[in-house]
PDB file of N, CA and C in Angstrom:
ATOM      1  N   MET A   1      25.791  -7.152  31.628  1.00  0.00           N
ATOM      2  CA  MET A   1      24.028  -8.408  31.259  1.00  0.00           C
ATOM      3  C   MET A   1      23.674  -9.244  30.329  1.00  0.00           C
ATOM      4  N   ASN A   2      23.560 -10.057  30.833  1.00  0.00           N
ATOM      5  CA  ASN A   2      23.348 -11.112  29.835  1.00  0.00           C
ATOM      6  C   ASN A   2      22.294 -11.380  28.974  1.00  0.00           C
ATOM      7  N   GLU A   3      22.724 -12.127  27.666  1.00  0.00           N
ATOM      8  CA  GLU A   3      21.668 -11.951  26.006  1.00  0.00           C
ATOM      9  C   GLU A   3      20.085 -12.019  26.899  1.00  0.00           C
ATOM     10  N   PHE A   4      20.440 -13.034  28.047  1.00  0.00           N
ATOM     11  CA  PHE A   4      18.644 -13.320  28.113  1.00  0.00           C
ATOM     12  C   PHE A   4      18.650 -13.147  29.929  1.00  0.00           C
ATOM     13  N   THR A   5      17.453 -12.340  30.633  1.00  0.00           N
ATOM     14  CA  THR A   5      17.152 -11.911  31.393  1.00  0.00           C
ATOM     15  C   THR A   5      15.570 -12.176  31.787  1.00  0.00           C
ATOM     16  N   SER A   6      16.045 -12.253  32.805  1.00  0.00           N
ATOM     17  CA  SER A   6      13.997 -13.058  33.300  1.00  0.00           C
ATOM     18  C   SER A   6      14.061 -11.742  34.479  1.00  0.00           C
ATOM     19  N   THR A   7      12.627 -11.622  35.452  1.00  0.00           N
ATOM     20  CA  THR A   7      12.871 -10.881  36.291  1.00  0.00           C
ATOM     21  C   THR A   7      12.550 -11.930  37.371  1.00  0.00           C
ATOM     22  N   PRO A   8      12.997 -11.526  38.725  1.00  0.00           N
ATOM     23  CA  PRO A   8      13.057 -13.259  39.391  1.00  0.00           C
ATOM     24  C   PRO A   8      12.005 -12.994  40.223  1.00  0.00           C
ATOM     25  N   GLY A   9      11.740 -14.480  40.114  1.00  0.00           N
ATOM     26  CA  GLY A   9      10.733 -15.151  40.421  1.00  0.00           C
ATOM     27  C   GLY A   9       9.476 -15.093  39.511  1.00  0.00           C
ATOM     28  N   THR A  10      10.110 -15.042  38.260  1.00  0.00           N
ATOM     29  CA  THR A  10       8.900 -15.632  37.222  1.00  0.00           C
ATOM     30  C   THR A  10       9.346 -16.895  36.552  1.00  0.00           C
ATOM     31  N   ASN A  11       8.092 -17.525  35.876  1.00  0.00           N
ATOM     32  CA  ASN A  11       8.721 -18.769  35.059  1.00  0.00           C
ATOM     33  C   ASN A  11       9.991 -18.252  33.617  1.00  0.00           C
ATOM     34  N   PRO A  12      10.718 -19.562  34.061  1.00  0.00           N
ATOM     35  CA  PRO A  12      11.522 -18.997  33.336  1.00  0.00           C
ATOM     36  C   PRO A  12      11.179 -19.700  31.828  1.00  0.00           C
ATOM     37  N   SER A  13       9.676 -19.681  31.830  1.00  0.00           N
ATOM     38  CA  SER A  13       9.502 -20.185  30.146  1.00  0.00           C
ATOM     39  C   SER A  13       9.637 -18.231  29.697  1.00  0.00           C
ATOM     40  N   ASP A  14       9.658 -17.356  31.000  1.00  0.00           N
ATOM     41  CA  ASP A  14       9.101 -15.898  31.239  1.00  0.00           C
ATOM     42  C   ASP A  14      10.433 -15.025  30.282  1.00  0.00           C
ATOM     43  N   TYR A  15      11.669 -16.207  30.268  1.00  0.00           N
ATOM     44  CA  TYR A  15      12.844 -14.757  29.233  1.00  0.00           C
ATOM     45  C   TYR A  15      12.825 -14.748  27.888  1.00  0.00           C
ATOM     46  N   VAL A  16      12.610 -13.282  27.949  1.00  0.00           N
ATOM     47  CA  VAL A  16      13.259 -12.540  27.645  1.00  0.00           C
ATOM     48  C   VAL A  16      14.303 -12.117  26.900  1.00  0.00           C
ATOM     49  N   PRO A  17      14.614 -11.603  25.913  1.00  0.00           N
ATOM     50  CA  PRO A  17      16.388 -10.878  25.182  1.00  0.00           C
ATOM     51  C   PRO A  17      15.798  -9.709  25.782  1.00  0.00           C
ATOM     52  N   PHE A  18      15.737  -8.569  26.370  1.00  0.00           N
ATOM     53  CA  PHE A  18      15.921  -7.855  27.036  1.00  0.00           C
ATOM     54  C   PHE A  18      15.024  -7.678  27.808  1.00  0.00           C
ATOM     55  N   GLU A  19      14.815  -6.717  29.134  1.00  0.00           N
ATOM     56  CA  GLU A  19      14.220  -6.404  30.188  1.00  0.00           C
ATOM     57  C   GLU A  19      13.032  -5.806  29.965  1.00  0.00           C
ATOM     58  N   GLY A  20      13.428  -4.872  28.635  1.00  0.00           N
ATOM     59  CA  GLY A  20      13.152  -3.547  28.646  1.00  0.00           C
ATOM     60  C   GLY A  20      12.062  -4.144  27.536  1.00  0.00           C
ATOM     61  N   LEU A  21      11.976  -5.439  27.086  1.00  0.00           N
ATOM     62  CA  LEU A  21      10.704  -5.734  25.649  1.00  0.00           C
ATOM     63  C   LEU A  21      10.172  -5.750  26.869  1.00  0.00           C
ATOM     64  N   ARG A  22       9.936  -6.247  28.238  1.00  0.00           N
ATOM     65  CA  ARG A  22       8.037  -6.370  28.506  1.00  0.00           C
ATOM     66  C   ARG A  22       7.422  -5.291  28.052  1.00  0.00           C
ATOM     67  N   LYS A  23       8.226  -3.927  28.083  1.00  0.00           N
ATOM     68  CA  LYS A  23       7.601  -2.496  28.033  1.00  0.00           C
ATOM     69  C   LYS A  23       6.426  -3.073  26.576  1.00  0.00           C
ATOM     70  N   ILE A  24       7.316  -3.600  25.466  1.00  0.00           N
ATOM     71  CA  ILE A  24       6.461  -3.157  24.535  1.00  0.00           C
ATOM     72  C   ILE A  24       5.003  -5.214  24.551  1.00  0.00           C
ATOM     73  N   SER A  25       4.123  -4.125  25.215  1.00  0.00           N
ATOM     74  CA  SER A  25       3.321  -5.585  25.503  1.00  0.00           C
ATOM     75  C   SER A  25       1.694  -5.623  24.921  1.00  0.00           C
ATOM     76  N   PHE A  26       1.954  -4.523  24.090  1.00  0.00           N
ATOM     77  CA  PHE A  26       0.732  -4.754  23.031  1.00  0.00           C
ATOM     78  C   PHE A  26       0.998  -4.317  21.614  1.00  0.00           C
ATOM     79  N   CYS A  27       0.442  -4.982  20.928  1.00  0.00           N
ATOM     80  CA  CYS A  27       0.283  -4.573  18.911  1.00  0.00           C
ATOM     81  C   CYS A  27       0.302  -3.083  19.236  1.00  0.00           C
ATOM     82  N   PRO A  28       0.786  -2.184  18.195  1.00  0.00           N
ATOM     83  CA  PRO A  28       0.238  -0.911  18.630  1.00  0.00           C
ATOM     84  C   PRO A  28      -1.589  -0.942  16.861  1.00  0.00           C
ATOM     85  N   PHE A  29      -1.225  -2.060  15.840  1.00  0.00           N
ATOM     86  CA  PHE A  29      -2.000  -2.277  15.104  1.00  0.00           C
ATOM     87  C   PHE A  29      -4.158  -2.993  15.807  1.00  0.00           C
ATOM     88  N   CYS A  30      -3.773  -3.765  16.666  1.00  0.00           N
ATOM     89  CA  CYS A  30      -4.803  -4.478  16.392  1.00  0.00           C
ATOM     90  C   CYS A  30      -4.856  -4.919  17.801  1.00  0.00           C
ATOM     91  N   ALA A  31      -3.836  -4.756  18.338  1.00  0.00           N
ATOM     92  CA  ALA A  31      -3.858  -4.161  20.351  1.00  0.00           C
ATOM     93  C   ALA A  31      -4.153  -5.716  21.243  1.00  0.00           C
ATOM     94  N   SER A  32      -3.479  -7.019  20.252  1.00  0.00           N
ATOM     95  CA  SER A  32      -2.900  -8.143  21.014  1.00  0.00           C
ATOM     96  C   SER A  32      -2.595  -8.340  22.412  1.00  0.00           C
ATOM     97  N   SER A  33      -2.261  -9.155  22.027  1.00  0.00           N
ATOM     98  CA  SER A  33      -0.753  -9.155  23.398  1.00  0.00           C
ATOM     99  C   SER A  33       0.166  -9.607  22.900  1.00  0.00           C
ATOM    100  N   TYR A  34       1.328  -9.048  23.107  1.00  0.00           N
ATOM    101  CA  TYR A  34       2.841  -9.123  22.995  1.00  0.00           C
ATOM    102  C   TYR A  34       3.373 -10.572  23.630  1.00  0.00           C
ATOM    103  N   ASP A  35       3.438 -11.599  23.149  1.00  0.00           N
ATOM    104  CA  ASP A  35       4.504 -12.703  23.832  1.00  0.00           C
ATOM    105  C   ASP A  35       5.892 -11.567  23.503  1.00  0.00           C
ATOM    106  N   PRO A  36       6.371 -11.140  24.456  1.00  0.00           N
ATOM    107  CA  PRO A  36       8.063 -11.004  24.921  1.00  0.00           C
ATOM    108  C   PRO A  36       9.159 -12.046  24.129  1.00  0.00           C
ATOM    109  N   GLY A  37       8.733 -13.193  25.044  1.00  0.00           N
ATOM    110  CA  GLY A  37       9.455 -13.839  24.688  1.00  0.00           C
ATOM    111  C   GLY A  37       9.308 -14.727  23.240  1.00  0.00           C
ATOM    112  N   LYS A  38       8.565 -14.110  21.924  1.00  0.00           N
ATOM    113  CA  LYS A  38       8.624 -14.577  20.630  1.00  0.00           C
ATOM    114  C   LYS A  38       9.348 -13.632  20.038  1.00  0.00           C
ATOM    115  N   ALA A  39      10.249 -12.487  21.303  1.00  0.00           N
ATOM    116  CA  ALA A  39      11.108 -11.985  20.427  1.00  0.00           C
ATOM    117  C   ALA A  39      11.632 -12.259  19.433  1.00  0.00           C
ATOM    118  N   THR A  40      12.756 -12.046  18.808  1.00  0.00           N
ATOM    119  CA  THR A  40      13.579 -12.847  17.990  1.00  0.00           C
ATOM    120  C   THR A  40      14.794 -11.572  18.326  1.00  0.00           C
ATOM    121  N   SER A  41      15.753 -11.910  18.391  1.00  0.00           N
ATOM    122  CA  SER A  41      17.831 -11.499  18.612  1.00  0.00           C
ATOM    123  C   SER A  41      17.974 -11.647  17.392  1.00  0.00           C
ATOM    124  N   LEU A  42      17.711 -10.697  16.539  1.00  0.00           N
ATOM    125  CA  LEU A  42      18.261 -10.228  14.898  1.00  0.00           C
ATOM    126  C   LEU A  42      19.955 -10.071  14.401  1.00  0.00           C
ATOM    127  N   TYR A  43      20.267  -9.200  15.639  1.00  0.00           N
ATOM    128  CA  TYR A  43      21.337  -8.678  15.314  1.00  0.00           C
ATOM    129  C   TYR A  43      22.227  -8.298  16.363  1.00  0.00           C
ATOM    130  N   ARG A  44      23.217  -8.173  16.505  1.00  0.00           N
ATOM    131  CA  ARG A  44      23.993  -8.238  18.335  1.00  0.00           C
ATOM    132  C   ARG A  44      25.811  -7.599  17.961  1.00  0.00           C
ATOM    133  N   LEU A  45      25.691  -6.425  17.975  1.00  0.00           N
ATOM    134  CA  LEU A  45      27.310  -5.909  18.325  1.00  0.00           C
ATOM    135  C   LEU A  45      27.785  -5.320  18.895  1.00  0.00           C
ATOM    136  N   ASP A  46      28.783  -5.351  20.034  1.00  0.00           N
ATOM    137  CA  ASP A  46      28.702  -4.393  20.893  1.00  0.00           C
ATOM    138  C   ASP A  46      27.517  -4.566  22.443  1.00  0.00           C
ATOM    139  N   ASP A  47      27.339  -2.506  21.510  1.00  0.00           N
ATOM    140  CA  ASP A  47      26.071  -2.655  22.397  1.00  0.00           C
ATOM    141  C   ASP A  47      25.049  -2.419  21.943  1.00  0.00           C
ATOM    142  N   LEU A  48      25.111  -2.941  20.651  1.00  0.00           N
ATOM    143  CA  LEU A  48      23.709  -2.639  20.158  1.00  0.00           C
ATOM    144  C   LEU A  48      23.211  -4.246  20.051  1.00  0.00           C
ATOM    145  N   ARG A  49      21.632  -4.002  19.488  1.00  0.00           N
ATOM    146  CA  ARG A  49      20.481  -4.933  19.666  1.00  0.00           C
ATOM    147  C   ARG A  49      20.074  -4.586  18.630  1.00  0.00           C
ATOM    148  N   LEU A  50      19.578  -5.000  18.073  1.00  0.00           N
ATOM    149  CA  LEU A  50      17.988  -5.362  17.062  1.00  0.00           C
ATOM    150  C   LEU A  50      16.948  -6.255  17.158  1.00  0.00           C
ATOM    151  N   LEU A  51      16.064  -6.517  17.446  1.00  0.00           N
ATOM    152  CA  LEU A  51      15.576  -7.463  18.034  1.00  0.00           C
ATOM    153  C   LEU A  51      13.864  -6.835  17.527  1.00  0.00           C
ATOM    154  N   LEU A  52      13.096  -8.424  17.018  1.00  0.00           N
ATOM    155  CA  LEU A  52      11.697  -8.246  15.903  1.00  0.00           C
ATOM    156  C   LEU A  52      11.097  -8.570  16.750  1.00  0.00           C
ATOM    157  N   ASN A  53       9.814  -8.123  16.841  1.00  0.00           N
ATOM    158  CA  ASN A  53       8.628  -8.624  17.811  1.00  0.00           C
ATOM    159  C   ASN A  53       7.084  -8.880  16.795  1.00  0.00           C
ATOM    160  N   PRO A  54       6.451  -9.961  16.825  1.00  0.00           N
ATOM    161  CA  PRO A  54       5.331  -9.697  15.930  1.00  0.00           C
ATOM    162  C   PRO A  54       4.908 -10.157  16.435  1.00  0.00           C
ATOM    163  N   CYS A  55       3.374  -9.581  15.474  1.00  0.00           N
ATOM    164  CA  CYS A  55       2.556 -10.271  16.275  1.00  0.00           C
ATOM    165  C   CYS A  55       1.428 -11.360  15.287  1.00  0.00           C
ATOM    166  N   TRP A  56       0.648 -11.801  16.250  1.00  0.00           N
ATOM    167  CA  TRP A  56       0.502 -13.324  16.467  1.00  0.00           C
ATOM    168  C   TRP A  56      -0.674 -13.361  15.498  1.00  0.00           C
ATOM    169  N   ARG A  57      -1.853 -11.790  14.973  1.00  0.00           N
ATOM    170  CA  ARG A  57      -2.900 -11.567  14.652  1.00  0.00           C
ATOM    171  C   ARG A  57      -2.548 -11.108  13.386  1.00  0.00           C
ATOM    172  N   CYS A  58      -1.764  -9.492  13.308  1.00  0.00           N
ATOM    173  CA  CYS A  58      -1.408  -8.897  12.462  1.00  0.00           C
ATOM    174  C   CYS A  58      -1.063  -8.729  11.631  1.00  0.00           C
ATOM    175  N   HIS A  59       0.265  -9.755  12.059  1.00  0.00           N
ATOM    176  CA  HIS A  59       1.481  -9.524  11.527  1.00  0.00           C
ATOM    177  C   HIS A  59       1.954  -8.463  11.296  1.00  0.00           C
ATOM    178  N   VAL A  60       1.739  -7.677  12.143  1.00  0.00           N
ATOM    179  CA  VAL A  60       3.124  -6.681  12.093  1.00  0.00           C
ATOM    180  C   VAL A  60       3.765  -6.649  12.907  1.00  0.00           C
ATOM    181  N   SER A  61       4.770  -6.211  13.054  1.00  0.00           N
ATOM    182  CA  SER A  61       6.359  -6.414  13.858  1.00  0.00           C
ATOM    183  C   SER A  61       6.549  -4.618  14.690  1.00  0.00           C
ATOM    184  N   VAL A  62       7.293  -4.886  15.803  1.00  0.00           N
ATOM    185  CA  VAL A  62       8.115  -4.151  15.946  1.00  0.00           C
ATOM    186  C   VAL A  62       9.221  -3.937  16.384  1.00  0.00           C
ATOM    187  N   LEU A  63      10.198  -3.460  15.583  1.00  0.00           N
ATOM    188  CA  LEU A  63      11.730  -2.885  16.087  1.00  0.00           C
ATOM    189  C   LEU A  63      12.292  -2.386  16.638  1.00  0.00           C
ATOM    190  N   ALA A  64      12.601  -3.496  16.998  1.00  0.00           N
ATOM    191  CA  ALA A  64      13.667  -2.662  18.325  1.00  0.00           C
ATOM    192  C   ALA A  64      15.063  -2.541  18.509  1.00  0.00           C
ATOM    193  N   ARG A  65      15.596  -0.951  18.629  1.00  0.00           N
ATOM    194  CA  ARG A  65      17.040  -1.593  17.890  1.00  0.00           C
ATOM    195  C   ARG A  65      17.766  -0.782  19.634  1.00  0.00           C
ATOM    196  N   ILE A  66      17.946  -1.578  20.061  1.00  0.00           N
ATOM    197  CA  ILE A  66      18.574  -0.775  22.241  1.00  0.00           C
ATOM    198  C   ILE A  66      19.811  -1.169  21.948  1.00  0.00           C
ATOM    199  N   THR A  67      20.454   0.248  22.294  1.00  0.00           N
ATOM    200  CA  THR A  67      21.871   0.750  22.809  1.00  0.00           C
ATOM    201  C   THR A  67      22.279   1.147  23.899  1.00  0.00           C
ATOM    202  N   GLU A  68      22.528   0.454  24.816  1.00  0.00           N
ATOM    203  CA  GLU A  68      23.694   0.208  25.544  1.00  0.00           C
ATOM    204  C   GLU A  68      24.397   1.143  26.332  1.00  0.00           C
ATOM    205  N   SER A  69      24.696   2.111  27.440  1.00  0.00           N
ATOM    206  CA  SER A  69      25.899   3.232  27.404  1.00  0.00           C
ATOM    207  C   SER A  69      26.109   2.919  29.057  1.00  0.00           C
ATOM    208  N   LYS A  70      26.695   3.597  29.698  1.00  0.00           N
ATOM    209  CA  LYS A  70      27.293   3.969  30.610  1.00  0.00           C
ATOM    210  C   LYS A  70      25.980   4.656  31.018  1.00  0.00           C
ATOM    211  N   ALA A  71      25.110   5.388  30.600  1.00  0.00           N
ATOM    212  CA  ALA A  71      24.294   6.621  30.760  1.00  0.00           C
ATOM    213  C   ALA A  71      23.311   5.880  31.251  1.00  0.00           C
ATOM    214  N   GLY A  72      23.690   4.878  30.454  1.00  0.00           N
ATOM    215  CA  GLY A  72      21.958   3.813  30.399  1.00  0.00           C
ATOM    216  C   GLY A  72      21.036   3.051  29.177  1.00  0.00           C
ATOM    217  N   VAL A  73      19.941   2.587  28.846  1.00  0.00           N
ATOM    218  CA  VAL A  73      19.587   1.987  27.813  1.00  0.00           C
ATOM    219  C   VAL A  73      18.626   3.040  27.129  1.00  0.00           C
ATOM    220  N   SER A  74      19.118   2.567  26.139  1.00  0.00           N
ATOM    221  CA  SER A  74      17.922   3.209  24.871  1.00  0.00           C
ATOM    222  C   SER A  74      17.457   2.264  23.916  1.00  0.00           C
ATOM    223  N   VAL A  75      16.134   2.327  23.820  1.00  0.00           N
ATOM    224  CA  VAL A  75      15.265   1.888  23.031  1.00  0.00           C
ATOM    225  C   VAL A  75      14.809   2.626  21.958  1.00  0.00           C
ATOM    226  N   THR A  76      14.726   2.143  20.474  1.00  0.00           N
ATOM    227  CA  THR A  76      13.987   2.972  19.194  1.00  0.00           C
ATOM    228  C   THR A  76      13.091   1.673  19.312  1.00  0.00           C
ATOM    229  N   GLU A  77      12.234   1.910  18.762  1.00  0.00           N
ATOM    230  CA  GLU A  77      11.123   1.382  18.268  1.00  0.00           C
ATOM    231  C   GLU A  77      10.705   1.718  16.645  1.00  0.00           C
ATOM    232  N   LEU A  78       9.963   0.717  15.954  1.00  0.00           N
ATOM    233  CA  LEU A  78       9.823   1.031  14.836  1.00  0.00           C
ATOM    234  C   LEU A  78       8.804  -0.130  14.005  1.00  0.00           C
ATOM    235  N   VAL A  79       7.568   0.711  13.847  1.00  0.00           N
ATOM    236  CA  VAL A  79       6.873  -0.474  13.828  1.00  0.00           C
ATOM    237  C   VAL A  79       6.977  -0.356  12.553  1.00  0.00           C
ATOM    238  N   THR A  80       7.027  -2.132  11.680  1.00  0.00           N
ATOM    239  CA  THR A  80       7.312  -2.655  10.185  1.00  0.00           C
ATOM    240  C   THR A  80       6.513  -3.836   9.910  1.00  0.00           C
ATOM    241  N   ASP A  81       6.501  -3.820   8.545  1.00  0.00           N
ATOM    242  CA  ASP A  81       5.476  -5.224   8.140  1.00  0.00           C
ATOM    243  C   ASP A  81       6.874  -6.208   7.704  1.00  0.00           C
ATOM    244  N   LEU A  82       8.287  -6.035   7.766  1.00  0.00           N
ATOM    245  CA  LEU A  82       9.406  -6.078   7.391  1.00  0.00           C
ATOM    246  C   LEU A  82       9.410  -7.427   8.379  1.00  0.00           C
ATOM    247  N   VAL A  83       9.846  -8.717   7.589  1.00  0.00           N
ATOM    248  CA  VAL A  83      10.659  -9.889   8.763  1.00  0.00           C
ATOM    249  C   VAL A  83      11.344 -10.243   8.324  1.00  0.00           C
ATOM    250  N   ALA A  84      12.025 -11.211   9.590  1.00  0.00           N
ATOM    251  CA  ALA A  84      13.716 -10.937   9.723  1.00  0.00           C
ATOM    252  C   ALA A  84      14.449 -11.540   8.683  1.00  0.00           C
ATOM    253  N   CYS A  85      14.132 -11.910   7.869  1.00  0.00           N
ATOM    254  CA  CYS A  85      15.393 -11.883   6.887  1.00  0.00           C
ATOM    255  C   CYS A  85      15.299 -10.689   6.461  1.00  0.00           C
ATOM    256  N   ASP A  86      13.631 -10.068   5.766  1.00  0.00           N
ATOM    257  CA  ASP A  86      14.039  -8.771   5.559  1.00  0.00           C
ATOM    258  C   ASP A  86      14.977  -7.186   6.217  1.00  0.00           C
ATOM    259  N   VAL A  87      15.391  -7.634   7.397  1.00  0.00           N
ATOM    260  CA  VAL A  87      15.833  -6.432   8.211  1.00  0.00           C
ATOM    261  C   VAL A  87      17.156  -7.474   8.258  1.00  0.00           C
ATOM    262  N   LEU A  88      18.060  -8.522   8.619  1.00  0.00           N
ATOM    263  CA  LEU A  88      19.167  -8.669   7.883  1.00  0.00           C
ATOM    264  C   LEU A  88      19.952  -8.757   7.106  1.00  0.00           C
ATOM    265  N   ARG A  89      18.392  -8.039   5.758  1.00  0.00           N
ATOM    266  CA  ARG A  89      18.969  -8.114   4.068  1.00  0.00           C
ATOM    267  C   ARG A  89      20.000  -6.837   4.431  1.00  0.00           C
ATOM    268  N   ILE A  90      18.450  -5.938   5.299  1.00  0.00           N
ATOM    269  CA  ILE A  90      19.191  -4.650   5.110  1.00  0.00           C
ATOM    270  C   ILE A  90      20.852  -4.192   6.257  1.00  0.00           C
ATOM    271  N   VAL A  91      20.590  -4.645   8.082  1.00  0.00           N
ATOM    272  CA  VAL A  91      21.718  -4.689   8.182  1.00  0.00           C
ATOM    273  C   VAL A  91      23.512  -4.962   7.279  1.00  0.00           C
ATOM    274  N   ASP A  92      22.914  -6.421   6.210  1.00  0.00           N
ATOM    275  CA  ASP A  92      24.064  -6.417   5.809  1.00  0.00           C
ATOM    276  C   ASP A  92      24.572  -5.869   4.666  1.00  0.00           C
ATOM    277  N   GLY A  93      23.263  -5.142   4.321  1.00  0.00           N
ATOM    278  CA  GLY A  93      23.851  -3.956   3.190  1.00  0.00           C
ATOM    279  C   GLY A  93      23.959  -3.943   1.941  1.00  0.00           C
ATOM    280  N   GLY A  94      22.580  -4.999   2.273  1.00  0.00           N
ATOM    281  CA  GLY A  94      22.017  -6.258   0.523  1.00  0.00           C
ATOM    282  C   GLY A  94      21.308  -4.678  -0.210  1.00  0.00           C
ATOM    283  N   LEU A  95      21.338  -3.451   0.324  1.00  0.00           N
ATOM    284  CA  LEU A  95      20.379  -2.710  -0.583  1.00  0.00           C
ATOM    285  C   LEU A  95      21.095  -1.531  -1.071  1.00  0.00           C
ATOM    286  N   GLU A  96      20.789  -0.944  -1.961  1.00  0.00           N
ATOM    287  CA  GLU A  96      21.365  -0.334  -2.681  1.00  0.00           C
ATOM    288  C   GLU A  96      21.451   1.229  -2.871  1.00  0.00           C
ATOM    289  N   ASP A  97      21.855   2.023  -2.465  1.00  0.00           N
ATOM    290  CA  ASP A  97      21.477   3.297  -2.101  1.00  0.00           C
ATOM    291  C   ASP A  97      20.214   4.183  -2.944  1.00  0.00           C
ATOM    292  N   VAL A  98      19.140   4.460  -2.366  1.00  0.00           N
ATOM    293  CA  VAL A  98      18.229   5.416  -3.589  1.00  0.00           C
ATOM    294  C   VAL A  98      18.416   6.359  -3.787  1.00  0.00           C
ATOM    295  N   THR A  99      18.562   6.895  -5.112  1.00  0.00           N
ATOM    296  CA  THR A  99      19.129   8.116  -5.813  1.00  0.00           C
ATOM    297  C   THR A  99      18.299   9.321  -5.932  1.00  0.00           C
ATOM    298  N   GLU A 100      18.236  10.370  -6.629  1.00  0.00           N
ATOM    299  CA  GLU A 100      16.935  11.308  -6.753  1.00  0.00           C
ATOM    300  C   GLU A 100      16.785  10.729  -7.924  1.00  0.00           C
ATOM    301  N   ASP A 101      16.970  10.029  -8.963  1.00  0.00           N
ATOM    302  CA  ASP A 101      16.652   9.773  -9.936  1.00  0.00           C
ATOM    303  C   ASP A 101      15.685   8.746  -9.313  1.00  0.00           C
ATOM    304  N   ASP A 102      16.044   7.648  -9.302  1.00  0.00           N
ATOM    305  CA  ASP A 102      15.260   6.134  -8.608  1.00  0.00           C
ATOM    306  C   ASP A 102      14.216   6.617  -8.035  1.00  0.00           C
ATOM    307  N   VAL A 103      13.865   7.192  -6.809  1.00  0.00           N
ATOM    308  CA  VAL A 103      12.861   8.392  -6.595  1.00  0.00           C
ATOM    309  C   VAL A 103      11.568   8.824  -8.023  1.00  0.00           C
ATOM    310  N   ILE A 104      12.930   9.983  -8.252  1.00  0.00           N
ATOM    311  CA  ILE A 104      11.437  10.321 -10.124  1.00  0.00           C
ATOM    312  C   ILE A 104      11.258   9.400 -10.701  1.00  0.00           C
ATOM    313  N   ASP A 105      12.262   8.431 -10.857  1.00  0.00           N
ATOM    314  CA  ASP A 105      11.290   7.468 -11.945  1.00  0.00           C
ATOM    315  C   ASP A 105      10.195   6.732 -10.997  1.00  0.00           C
ATOM    316  N   VAL A 106      10.205   6.344 -10.442  1.00  0.00           N
ATOM    317  CA  VAL A 106       9.256   6.077  -9.615  1.00  0.00           C
ATOM    318  C   VAL A 106       7.745   6.430 -10.075  1.00  0.00           C
ATOM    319  N   HIS A 107       7.991   7.805  -9.227  1.00  0.00           N
ATOM    320  CA  HIS A 107       6.962   8.779  -9.154  1.00  0.00           C
ATOM    321  C   HIS A 107       6.403   9.362 -10.864  1.00  0.00           C
ATOM    322  N   ALA A 108       7.072   8.583 -11.336  1.00  0.00           N
ATOM    323  CA  ALA A 108       6.738   8.936 -12.957  1.00  0.00           C
ATOM    324  C   ALA A 108       5.845   7.857 -13.190  1.00  0.00           C
ATOM    325  N   LEU A 109       6.269   6.504 -13.078  1.00  0.00           N
ATOM    326  CA  LEU A 109       5.378   4.930 -13.045  1.00  0.00           C
ATOM    327  C   LEU A 109       4.356   5.367 -12.594  1.00  0.00           C
ATOM    328  N   LEU A 110       4.630   6.095 -11.335  1.00  0.00           N
ATOM    329  CA  LEU A 110       3.142   6.581 -10.155  1.00  0.00           C
ATOM    330  C   LEU A 110       2.074   6.872 -11.416  1.00  0.00           C
ATOM    331  N   GLU A 111       2.624   7.734 -11.612  1.00  0.00           N
ATOM    332  CA  GLU A 111       1.367   9.027 -12.772  1.00  0.00           C
ATOM    333  C   GLU A 111       0.563   8.126 -13.452  1.00  0.00           C
ATOM    334  N   GLU A 112       1.390   7.117 -14.257  1.00  0.00           N
ATOM    335  CA  GLU A 112       1.111   6.394 -15.569  1.00  0.00           C
ATOM    336  C   GLU A 112       0.059   5.616 -15.079  1.00  0.00           C
ATOM    337  N   ASP A 113      -0.521   4.633 -15.376  1.00  0.00           N
ATOM    338  CA  ASP A 113      -1.257   3.315 -15.416  1.00  0.00           C
ATOM    339  C   ASP A 113      -0.972   2.728 -14.669  1.00  0.00           C
ATOM    340  N   ASP A 114      -1.711   1.483 -13.912  1.00  0.00           N
ATOM    341  CA  ASP A 114      -0.517   0.747 -13.105  1.00  0.00           C
ATOM    342  C   ASP A 114      -0.093  -0.087 -14.150  1.00  0.00           C
ATOM    343  N   LYS A 115      -0.483  -0.762 -14.925  1.00  0.00           N
ATOM    344  CA  LYS A 115       0.698  -1.556 -15.692  1.00  0.00           C
ATOM    345  C   LYS A 115       1.518  -1.532 -15.835  1.00  0.00           C
ATOM    346  N   ASP A 116       1.793  -0.108 -16.054  1.00  0.00           N
ATOM    347  CA  ASP A 116       3.132  -0.208 -16.256  1.00  0.00           C
ATOM    348  C   ASP A 116       3.998  -0.251 -14.768  1.00  0.00           C
ATOM    349  N   PHE A 117       3.371   0.490 -13.605  1.00  0.00           N
ATOM    350  CA  PHE A 117       4.744   0.077 -12.337  1.00  0.00           C
ATOM    351  C   PHE A 117       4.467  -1.350 -11.862  1.00  0.00           C
ATOM    352  N   ILE A 118       3.138  -2.412 -12.527  1.00  0.00           N
ATOM    353  CA  ILE A 118       3.164  -3.388 -11.767  1.00  0.00           C
ATOM    354  C   ILE A 118       4.461  -4.264 -12.960  1.00  0.00           C
ATOM    355  N   ASP A 119       4.332  -3.971 -13.594  1.00  0.00           N
ATOM    356  CA  ASP A 119       5.326  -4.708 -14.263  1.00  0.00           C
ATOM    357  C   ASP A 119       7.230  -4.693 -14.052  1.00  0.00           C
ATOM    358  N   ALA A 120       7.219  -3.095 -13.861  1.00  0.00           N
ATOM    359  CA  ALA A 120       8.261  -2.337 -12.941  1.00  0.00           C
ATOM    360  C   ALA A 120       8.694  -3.287 -12.113  1.00  0.00           C
ATOM    361  N   VAL A 121       7.909  -3.059 -11.390  1.00  0.00           N
ATOM    362  CA  VAL A 121       8.332  -4.248  -9.943  1.00  0.00           C
ATOM    363  C   VAL A 121       8.343  -5.684 -10.149  1.00  0.00           C
ATOM    364  N   LEU A 122       7.739  -6.237 -11.344  1.00  0.00           N
ATOM    365  CA  LEU A 122       8.157  -7.726 -11.514  1.00  0.00           C
ATOM    366  C   LEU A 122       9.487  -7.797 -11.871  1.00  0.00           C
ATOM    367  N   ASP A 123       9.818  -7.053 -13.180  1.00  0.00           N
ATOM    368  CA  ASP A 123      11.080  -7.329 -13.265  1.00  0.00           C
ATOM    369  C   ASP A 123      12.563  -6.649 -12.782  1.00  0.00           C
ATOM    370  N   THR A 124      12.058  -6.054 -11.747  1.00  0.00           N
ATOM    371  CA  THR A 124      13.230  -6.015 -10.547  1.00  0.00           C
ATOM    372  C   THR A 124      13.196  -7.860  -9.763  1.00  0.00           C
ATOM    373  N   LEU A 125      11.999  -8.630  -9.665  1.00  0.00           N
ATOM    374  CA  LEU A 125      12.614  -9.368  -8.714  1.00  0.00           C
ATOM    375  C   LEU A 125      13.263 -10.809  -9.840  1.00  0.00           C
TER     376      LEU A 125
END
């Protein structure tokens, strides 16, 4: 299969990174129409692809994980507020593992007043 395909007889500007992406036609939050041609192919390795399709109105995105095999195509979609650089950072292993202690520390900060939490977040930047 080519990286870009289209339905026969359609306008060349209708090319989409993956034919199944045409099914993602409306934003799950604001119901605006998606333009499948605006989807960004973020990652491809063998039969795995990651596509990000942002909503032009509310900026919520659908991240699609697409795998192809002899049995067919599997698409898993995730509604997210991530942008392309965030997804690529995660794919590249740019995030450290979250430990149980990390979760307990964040929980403790949230139980305190908001200023401590904001200061802690700002310290990580």
